Protein backbone atom coordinates (compact mmCIF):
# COMPACT_ATOMS: atom_id res chain seq x y z
CA MET A 1 34.26 53.87 93.01
CA THR A 2 33.61 50.19 93.72
CA THR A 3 30.11 48.75 93.66
CA ASP A 4 30.08 48.72 97.47
CA GLY A 5 31.25 52.32 97.49
CA ALA A 6 28.58 53.29 94.98
CA ASP A 7 25.90 51.62 97.07
CA ALA A 8 27.11 53.42 100.19
CA HIS A 9 27.26 56.78 98.45
CA LYS A 10 23.74 56.32 97.14
CA ALA A 11 22.42 55.24 100.54
CA VAL A 12 23.98 58.24 102.30
CA GLU A 13 22.79 60.65 99.61
CA GLU A 14 19.22 59.33 99.84
CA ALA A 15 19.29 59.58 103.62
CA ALA A 16 20.66 63.12 103.46
CA ARG A 17 18.02 64.24 100.97
CA ALA A 18 15.27 62.74 103.11
CA ALA A 19 16.61 64.52 106.19
CA ARG A 20 17.05 67.77 104.27
CA GLY A 21 13.39 67.66 103.27
CA THR A 22 12.41 68.13 106.92
CA VAL A 23 14.68 71.09 107.68
CA ALA A 24 12.39 73.91 106.58
CA ASP A 25 9.65 72.83 108.97
CA LEU A 26 11.95 72.33 111.96
CA ALA A 27 12.82 75.99 112.51
CA GLY A 28 9.29 76.87 113.53
CA VAL A 29 8.49 73.83 115.67
CA PRO A 30 7.57 74.90 119.22
CA GLY A 31 9.99 73.70 121.85
CA GLU A 32 7.15 71.92 123.66
CA ARG A 33 6.74 69.53 120.73
CA LEU A 34 10.45 68.81 120.57
CA ASP A 35 10.44 68.02 124.27
CA GLN A 36 7.35 65.87 123.79
CA ALA A 37 9.30 63.84 121.23
CA LEU A 38 12.20 63.39 123.65
CA ARG A 39 9.85 62.12 126.38
CA ALA A 40 8.25 59.77 123.87
CA ILE A 41 11.66 58.34 122.98
CA ALA A 42 12.32 57.83 126.68
CA ASP A 43 9.00 56.04 127.13
CA GLY A 44 9.70 53.89 124.08
CA LEU A 45 13.05 52.78 125.46
CA VAL A 46 11.38 51.51 128.61
CA ARG A 47 8.11 50.14 127.26
CA GLY A 48 9.63 48.83 124.05
CA SER A 49 12.83 47.42 125.51
CA ALA A 50 12.20 43.82 124.38
CA PRO A 51 12.99 44.24 120.66
CA VAL A 52 15.94 46.51 121.45
CA LEU A 53 17.44 43.99 123.86
CA ALA A 54 16.83 41.12 121.44
CA ALA A 55 18.61 42.97 118.64
CA ASN A 56 21.43 43.88 120.99
CA GLU A 57 21.86 40.28 122.09
CA ALA A 58 22.21 39.29 118.43
CA ASP A 59 24.88 41.98 118.03
CA MET A 60 26.64 40.79 121.20
CA THR A 61 26.62 37.16 120.03
CA ALA A 62 28.13 38.10 116.68
CA ALA A 63 30.71 40.32 118.38
CA ARG A 64 31.80 37.56 120.76
CA GLU A 65 32.16 35.16 117.84
CA ALA A 66 34.25 37.76 116.05
CA GLY A 67 36.55 38.02 119.08
CA LEU A 68 35.86 41.61 120.10
CA GLY A 69 37.66 42.60 123.30
CA ARG A 70 36.21 43.49 126.69
CA GLY A 71 36.18 47.22 126.11
CA LEU A 72 34.36 47.01 122.78
CA LEU A 73 31.85 44.51 124.18
CA ASP A 74 31.18 46.84 127.10
CA ARG A 75 30.45 49.70 124.69
CA LEU A 76 28.14 47.50 122.65
CA ARG A 77 26.11 45.99 125.48
CA MET A 78 22.62 47.21 126.34
CA ASP A 79 20.48 46.04 129.26
CA GLU A 80 17.41 47.19 131.14
CA GLY A 81 19.49 49.34 133.48
CA ARG A 82 21.28 51.14 130.66
CA LEU A 83 18.05 51.73 128.76
CA ALA A 84 16.44 53.15 131.90
CA ALA A 85 19.44 55.44 132.45
CA ILE A 86 19.23 56.72 128.86
CA ALA A 87 15.50 57.33 129.33
CA ASP A 88 16.18 59.34 132.49
CA GLN A 89 18.71 61.46 130.60
CA LEU A 90 16.21 62.14 127.83
CA ARG A 91 13.56 63.25 130.31
CA ALA A 92 16.12 65.55 131.92
CA LEU A 93 17.05 66.96 128.50
CA ALA A 94 13.38 67.62 127.77
CA GLY A 95 13.27 69.80 130.86
CA VAL A 96 16.28 71.95 129.90
CA PRO A 97 15.19 75.48 128.87
CA TYR A 98 15.92 76.64 125.35
CA GLU A 99 18.33 79.50 124.92
CA SER A 100 17.11 82.66 123.26
CA ALA A 101 17.09 82.49 119.48
CA GLU A 102 18.49 86.01 119.23
CA ARG A 103 20.16 88.72 121.28
CA ALA A 104 20.82 92.38 120.68
CA VAL A 105 24.55 93.08 120.33
CA ARG A 106 24.86 96.85 119.93
CA GLU A 107 23.47 99.95 118.32
CA LEU A 108 25.15 101.05 115.10
CA PRO A 109 25.34 104.51 113.49
CA ASP A 110 22.46 105.82 111.38
CA GLY A 111 19.78 104.35 113.64
CA LEU A 112 20.66 100.71 113.07
CA VAL A 113 20.96 97.84 115.52
CA LEU A 114 23.05 94.66 115.34
CA THR A 115 21.40 91.41 116.45
CA GLU A 116 22.94 87.95 116.71
CA ARG A 117 20.66 85.06 115.84
CA ARG A 118 21.13 81.34 116.49
CA ARG A 119 20.17 79.22 113.49
CA PRO A 120 20.22 75.43 113.13
CA VAL A 121 22.93 73.97 110.91
CA GLY A 122 20.34 72.04 108.87
CA VAL A 123 21.53 68.49 108.29
CA ILE A 124 24.36 67.18 110.48
CA GLY A 125 26.07 63.84 110.00
CA ALA A 126 27.38 61.65 112.81
CA ASN A 127 29.76 58.72 112.53
CA PHE A 128 30.43 56.79 115.71
CA GLU A 129 31.74 53.53 117.06
CA ALA A 130 29.55 50.51 117.79
CA ARG A 131 27.76 52.03 120.79
CA PRO A 132 23.97 51.76 120.52
CA ASN A 133 23.39 54.36 123.26
CA VAL A 134 25.04 56.97 121.04
CA VAL A 135 22.26 56.51 118.47
CA VAL A 136 19.82 57.92 121.03
CA ASP A 137 22.25 60.46 122.50
CA ILE A 138 23.00 62.11 119.17
CA ALA A 139 19.47 61.85 117.82
CA SER A 140 18.20 63.60 120.96
CA GLN A 141 20.69 66.43 120.52
CA PHE A 142 19.61 66.92 116.93
CA VAL A 143 15.94 67.00 117.92
CA LYS A 144 16.55 69.49 120.75
CA SER A 145 18.61 71.76 118.48
CA ARG A 146 16.11 71.61 115.56
CA ASN A 147 18.61 69.92 113.26
CA ALA A 148 18.01 66.91 111.02
CA GLY A 149 20.64 64.19 111.06
CA VAL A 150 22.21 61.29 109.23
CA LEU A 151 23.69 58.72 111.63
CA ARG A 152 26.17 55.97 110.80
CA THR A 153 27.47 53.46 113.35
CA GLY A 154 29.92 50.57 113.36
CA SER A 155 28.75 47.31 111.81
CA ALA A 156 28.89 45.50 115.15
CA ALA A 157 25.94 47.57 116.42
CA ILE A 158 23.85 47.70 113.27
CA ARG A 159 20.99 45.47 114.52
CA SER A 160 20.66 47.49 117.73
CA ALA A 161 20.86 50.79 115.85
CA ILE A 162 18.19 49.82 113.31
CA THR A 163 15.83 48.68 116.05
CA LEU A 164 16.33 51.88 118.02
CA ALA A 165 15.76 53.98 114.91
CA ASP A 166 12.71 52.09 113.65
CA GLU A 167 11.02 50.89 116.83
CA VAL A 168 11.76 53.76 119.22
CA ILE A 169 12.91 57.01 117.62
CA ALA A 170 10.74 57.18 114.50
CA PRO A 171 7.43 56.38 116.28
CA ALA A 172 8.27 58.90 119.02
CA LEU A 173 8.91 61.66 116.49
CA ALA A 174 5.68 60.87 114.69
CA SER A 175 3.72 60.89 117.95
CA ALA A 176 4.89 64.47 118.57
CA GLY A 177 3.88 65.60 115.09
CA LEU A 178 7.45 65.66 113.76
CA ASP A 179 8.54 64.09 110.49
CA PRO A 180 10.39 60.85 111.36
CA ALA A 181 12.56 61.40 108.30
CA MET A 182 14.49 64.05 110.23
CA ILE A 183 16.63 61.32 111.83
CA GLN A 184 18.14 58.97 109.26
CA LEU A 185 20.28 55.89 109.86
CA VAL A 186 22.70 54.64 107.22
CA ARG A 187 22.12 50.91 106.86
CA VAL A 188 24.94 49.98 104.49
CA PRO A 189 27.70 48.46 106.64
CA GLY A 190 31.41 49.03 106.16
CA GLN A 191 33.82 51.91 105.93
CA SER A 192 32.56 52.93 102.50
CA SER A 193 29.46 54.40 104.13
CA ALA A 194 31.60 56.35 106.60
CA ARG A 195 33.61 57.83 103.73
CA ALA A 196 30.41 58.65 101.85
CA LEU A 197 29.08 60.49 104.91
CA VAL A 198 31.98 62.96 104.87
CA SER A 199 32.05 63.56 101.11
CA GLN A 200 28.78 65.41 100.43
CA PRO A 201 29.21 69.05 101.53
CA GLY A 202 26.13 70.25 99.70
CA LEU A 203 23.90 67.91 101.69
CA ILE A 204 25.81 67.30 104.93
CA PRO A 205 28.06 70.30 105.66
CA LEU A 206 29.03 69.19 109.18
CA VAL A 207 29.83 65.71 110.50
CA ILE A 208 30.46 64.69 114.09
CA LEU A 209 33.16 62.02 114.22
CA ARG A 210 33.62 59.68 117.16
CA GLY A 211 35.78 56.58 117.32
CA SER A 212 39.31 55.24 117.45
CA GLY A 213 42.07 57.71 116.72
CA ASP A 214 43.36 56.44 113.39
CA SER A 215 40.00 55.84 111.74
CA THR A 216 38.59 59.16 112.93
CA ARG A 217 41.65 61.11 111.81
CA SER A 218 41.42 59.41 108.41
CA LEU A 219 37.77 60.41 108.06
CA ALA A 220 38.55 63.97 109.15
CA ALA A 221 41.21 64.18 106.43
CA GLU A 222 38.75 62.77 103.89
CA ALA A 223 36.15 65.33 104.97
CA ALA A 224 38.65 68.16 104.57
CA ARG A 225 39.36 67.07 100.99
CA HIS A 226 35.65 67.41 100.22
CA GLY A 227 35.11 70.67 102.10
CA VAL A 228 33.06 69.08 104.89
CA ARG A 229 33.60 70.48 108.39
CA THR A 230 33.98 68.06 111.28
CA MET A 231 33.87 68.01 115.04
CA ALA A 232 36.08 65.07 115.87
CA HIS A 233 36.48 62.99 119.01
CA ALA A 234 39.40 60.80 118.02
CA ASP A 235 41.44 60.22 121.14
CA GLY A 236 40.98 59.78 124.87
CA GLY A 237 42.85 58.36 127.80
CA ALA A 238 42.65 60.17 131.12
CA VAL A 239 45.46 60.91 133.57
CA LEU A 240 45.47 60.83 137.37
CA TYR A 241 48.40 62.29 139.29
CA VAL A 242 48.81 61.30 142.96
CA ASP A 243 50.75 64.09 144.68
CA ALA A 244 53.14 63.78 147.60
CA ALA A 245 50.46 65.44 149.75
CA ALA A 246 47.65 63.18 148.58
CA ASP A 247 45.05 61.51 150.75
CA LEU A 248 45.95 57.99 149.68
CA ASP A 249 42.61 56.52 150.69
CA LEU A 250 40.89 59.06 148.45
CA ALA A 251 43.39 58.27 145.70
CA GLY A 252 42.45 54.60 145.92
CA ARG A 253 38.75 55.41 145.68
CA LEU A 254 39.30 57.67 142.67
CA ILE A 255 41.40 55.04 140.93
CA GLU A 256 38.60 52.51 141.35
CA ALA A 257 35.89 55.00 140.34
CA SER A 258 37.86 55.89 137.23
CA LEU A 259 37.88 52.25 136.09
CA ASP A 260 34.20 51.39 136.39
CA ARG A 261 34.10 51.02 132.59
CA LEU A 262 37.13 50.12 130.49
CA GLY A 263 35.81 50.98 127.04
CA VAL A 264 35.20 54.71 127.57
CA CYS A 265 37.54 57.55 126.69
CA ASN A 266 37.59 59.26 130.10
CA ARG A 267 38.60 56.19 132.12
CA LEU A 268 41.92 56.11 133.95
CA ASN A 269 44.64 55.38 131.42
CA LEU A 270 47.86 56.83 132.89
CA LEU A 271 48.49 56.92 136.62
CA LEU A 272 51.30 59.26 137.67
CA LEU A 273 52.78 59.10 141.17
CA HIS A 274 55.13 61.39 143.04
CA PRO A 275 58.47 59.54 143.47
CA SER A 276 58.15 59.71 147.28
CA LEU A 277 55.11 57.44 147.00
CA TRP A 278 56.54 54.94 144.56
CA ASP A 279 57.82 52.31 146.97
CA THR A 280 54.91 52.51 149.41
CA PHE A 281 51.84 53.23 147.30
CA VAL A 282 52.54 51.25 144.13
CA PRO A 283 52.04 47.89 145.90
CA ARG A 284 48.64 49.12 147.11
CA VAL A 285 47.75 50.23 143.61
CA ILE A 286 48.78 46.93 142.08
CA ALA A 287 46.71 45.05 144.66
CA LEU A 288 43.72 47.27 143.89
CA LEU A 289 44.10 46.80 140.15
CA ASP A 290 44.49 43.06 140.61
CA ARG A 291 41.23 42.96 142.55
CA LEU A 292 39.56 44.78 139.64
CA GLY A 293 41.07 42.39 137.11
CA ILE A 294 43.33 45.06 135.64
CA ALA A 295 47.02 44.80 134.81
CA ALA A 296 49.61 47.44 135.68
CA SER A 297 52.12 48.48 133.02
CA LEU A 298 55.25 49.46 134.98
CA PRO A 299 58.50 51.12 133.88
CA PRO A 300 60.36 50.55 131.66
CA HIS A 301 57.44 50.74 129.25
CA ALA A 302 57.47 49.03 125.88
CA HIS A 303 54.87 51.49 124.60
CA PRO A 304 54.33 55.27 124.51
CA LEU A 305 53.47 56.63 127.94
CA GLY A 306 50.05 57.79 126.82
CA HIS A 307 49.09 54.63 124.93
CA GLU A 308 45.28 54.45 125.08
CA TRP A 309 44.34 51.07 126.47
CA ALA A 310 40.61 51.47 125.81
CA LEU A 311 41.35 51.14 122.07
CA ASP A 312 43.75 48.21 122.49
CA SER A 313 41.52 45.21 121.88
CA GLY A 314 42.41 42.38 124.23
CA ARG A 315 44.49 44.60 126.50
CA GLU A 316 41.86 47.14 127.57
CA ALA A 317 42.21 46.01 131.19
CA THR A 318 45.53 47.82 131.64
CA VAL A 319 46.70 51.01 133.34
CA THR A 320 50.12 52.60 132.83
CA LEU A 321 52.00 53.64 135.99
CA ALA A 322 54.85 56.13 135.92
CA PRO A 323 56.58 58.60 138.28
CA ALA A 324 56.21 62.37 137.94
CA ASP A 325 58.40 64.86 139.81
CA GLY A 326 55.69 67.14 141.13
CA PRO A 327 52.46 68.78 139.94
CA ARG A 328 53.97 70.77 137.09
CA ALA A 329 55.95 67.80 135.80
CA ALA A 330 52.79 65.70 135.89
CA ALA A 331 50.85 68.33 133.94
CA VAL A 332 53.62 68.58 131.35
CA LEU A 333 53.60 64.80 130.90
CA ALA A 334 49.82 64.88 130.47
CA ASN A 335 50.13 67.71 127.93
CA GLU A 336 52.91 66.11 125.91
CA GLU A 337 52.22 62.38 126.16
CA THR A 338 48.42 62.13 126.01
CA SER A 339 45.55 63.37 123.87
CA GLY A 340 44.70 66.22 126.22
CA LEU A 341 41.27 64.85 127.07
CA ALA A 342 41.36 65.01 130.87
CA ALA A 343 43.73 64.95 133.83
CA ALA A 344 43.25 65.03 137.60
CA ILE A 345 45.37 65.65 140.68
CA VAL A 346 44.87 64.12 144.11
CA THR A 347 46.29 66.34 146.85
CA VAL A 348 45.38 68.20 150.03
CA ASP A 349 47.90 70.92 149.13
CA GLN A 350 46.07 73.80 147.45
CA ALA A 351 49.28 75.27 146.03
CA ALA A 352 50.11 71.93 144.39
CA ALA A 353 46.61 71.69 142.95
CA GLU A 354 46.77 75.22 141.55
CA GLU A 355 50.18 74.53 140.01
CA PHE A 356 48.83 71.43 138.29
CA LEU A 357 45.59 73.04 137.12
CA GLY A 358 47.47 76.09 135.85
CA ALA A 359 49.93 74.01 133.83
CA TYR A 360 47.56 71.45 132.35
CA ALA A 361 46.19 72.62 128.99
CA GLY A 362 43.77 69.77 128.26
CA THR A 363 40.01 69.84 127.89
CA GLY A 364 39.04 68.81 131.43
CA ALA A 365 41.04 69.40 134.63
CA PHE A 366 40.04 67.93 138.00
CA TRP A 367 41.13 68.24 141.62
CA ASN A 368 40.28 65.39 143.99
CA SER A 369 37.66 64.09 141.59
CA THR A 370 37.50 61.53 138.83
CA THR A 371 37.99 62.27 135.14
CA ARG A 372 34.88 60.16 134.49
CA LEU A 373 33.02 63.41 135.19
CA LEU A 374 34.10 64.72 131.78
CA ASP A 375 30.77 63.82 130.25
CA GLY A 376 27.93 65.95 128.97
CA PHE A 377 25.31 64.56 131.30
CA LYS A 378 27.53 64.44 134.39
CA LEU A 379 28.71 68.03 133.93
CA PHE A 380 25.66 69.71 132.41
CA SER A 381 22.78 67.25 132.93
CA VAL A 382 22.54 67.07 129.13
CA PRO A 383 23.55 64.17 126.84
CA GLU A 384 26.42 64.85 124.48
CA THR A 385 27.24 64.19 120.85
CA GLY A 386 30.88 63.67 121.81
CA ILE A 387 33.82 65.41 123.46
CA ASN A 388 35.75 67.81 121.27
CA ILE A 389 39.40 68.17 122.30
CA ASP A 390 40.59 70.37 119.40
CA ALA A 391 42.79 73.27 120.47
CA VAL A 392 40.93 75.78 118.30
CA PRO A 393 38.14 78.29 118.99
CA GLY A 394 34.67 76.80 119.03
CA PRO A 395 32.91 74.18 121.15
CA ARG A 396 35.44 72.31 123.28
CA GLY A 397 34.69 69.60 125.77
CA PRO A 398 31.29 67.85 125.80
CA VAL A 399 29.37 69.05 122.74
CA THR A 400 25.63 69.40 123.43
CA PHE A 401 22.58 70.76 121.60
CA ARG A 402 23.63 74.30 122.61
CA ASP A 403 26.67 74.01 120.31
CA LEU A 404 24.84 72.77 117.20
CA TYR A 405 23.92 76.12 115.72
CA LEU A 406 25.26 78.82 113.42
CA ARG A 407 25.64 82.48 114.32
CA GLN A 408 23.89 84.92 112.02
CA PHE A 409 24.39 88.69 112.31
CA VAL A 410 21.38 90.75 111.35
CA VAL A 411 21.36 94.55 110.96
CA THR A 412 17.96 96.26 111.06
CA PRO A 413 16.56 99.73 111.79
CA ALA A 414 16.29 100.35 115.53
């Protein structure tokens, strides 16, 4: 291990041990105190916005000098409006009822009863791209679910993340009578700290991974070698199919609504059109994209059909256009050529919509609505830790505090 790697491993281990020291007390904390902490974080974001915005501006200046693209800069940027929106989400989360900690499953022979209990994981790690808002999103989910956490973000957001952790989150936890050590932030920059986060199964058995496909897949493989479980959000890129029976005005509005932010995973990435619309609607689409400052990638494509533009620094402002011979063909293209994050159909034909929705196997499917709705807060009024698109049993889609628990089966006398 290099010196940098040794420093990172030590920093992560110390953070994990500090977080682990708070776990025993968390299980018995009343929900009212957890919600009090969430409201205090929300208040801190609004009242204490000045140091957060100053740190973020320093991050933004360094990122511009480093040549980061539009999408990455958009993810990194904080302002008063975004802080206020995060605060609103936290207050909403504080008002969400807690699910029962246990439920009776069935009676067993010999006068016994089987009960299922929900138990916190303990310490959960989280590695995510340079998005300061995710620091608060994930920390809030850990607090609500009674888990401690070790967070690690991209170097581009480190000033913002440290300020959020030290000036907002820690004081809020303390004000609610919680140990601020329950939420730890790794402060050693570089990929060595990310690798260290996924290599300590005895301290951090589960790590949430968010980021670009290649780096996240590499970390997931590293975690598997060490016996650490992961919930990974590696790929995105949403699809919109405009059917022959589409309301084209609605299609135009959905295209624009799906491109309000270029650096997010659920933005419009691949636009599929029925061939009957190609000659008449494509010029309208190109004009719309041009007005939004977005380029259209037209056939023949020099890239895979599902190429995710949000991760293509310098070319984020691009949408791929391609024909699809009907609803089923569009769904098959979305299944085979994209990550399977989200796909939508625009049509007034119910049979066409049902054919598309029945054939598409991805995480989120939409009819006459934008894929930007595939988001924890927009769907459930709860912030998310990420969007899991794995095709395996377990939490799929936006992962929230309700998913961050372990099932325990308890057999007792009736």
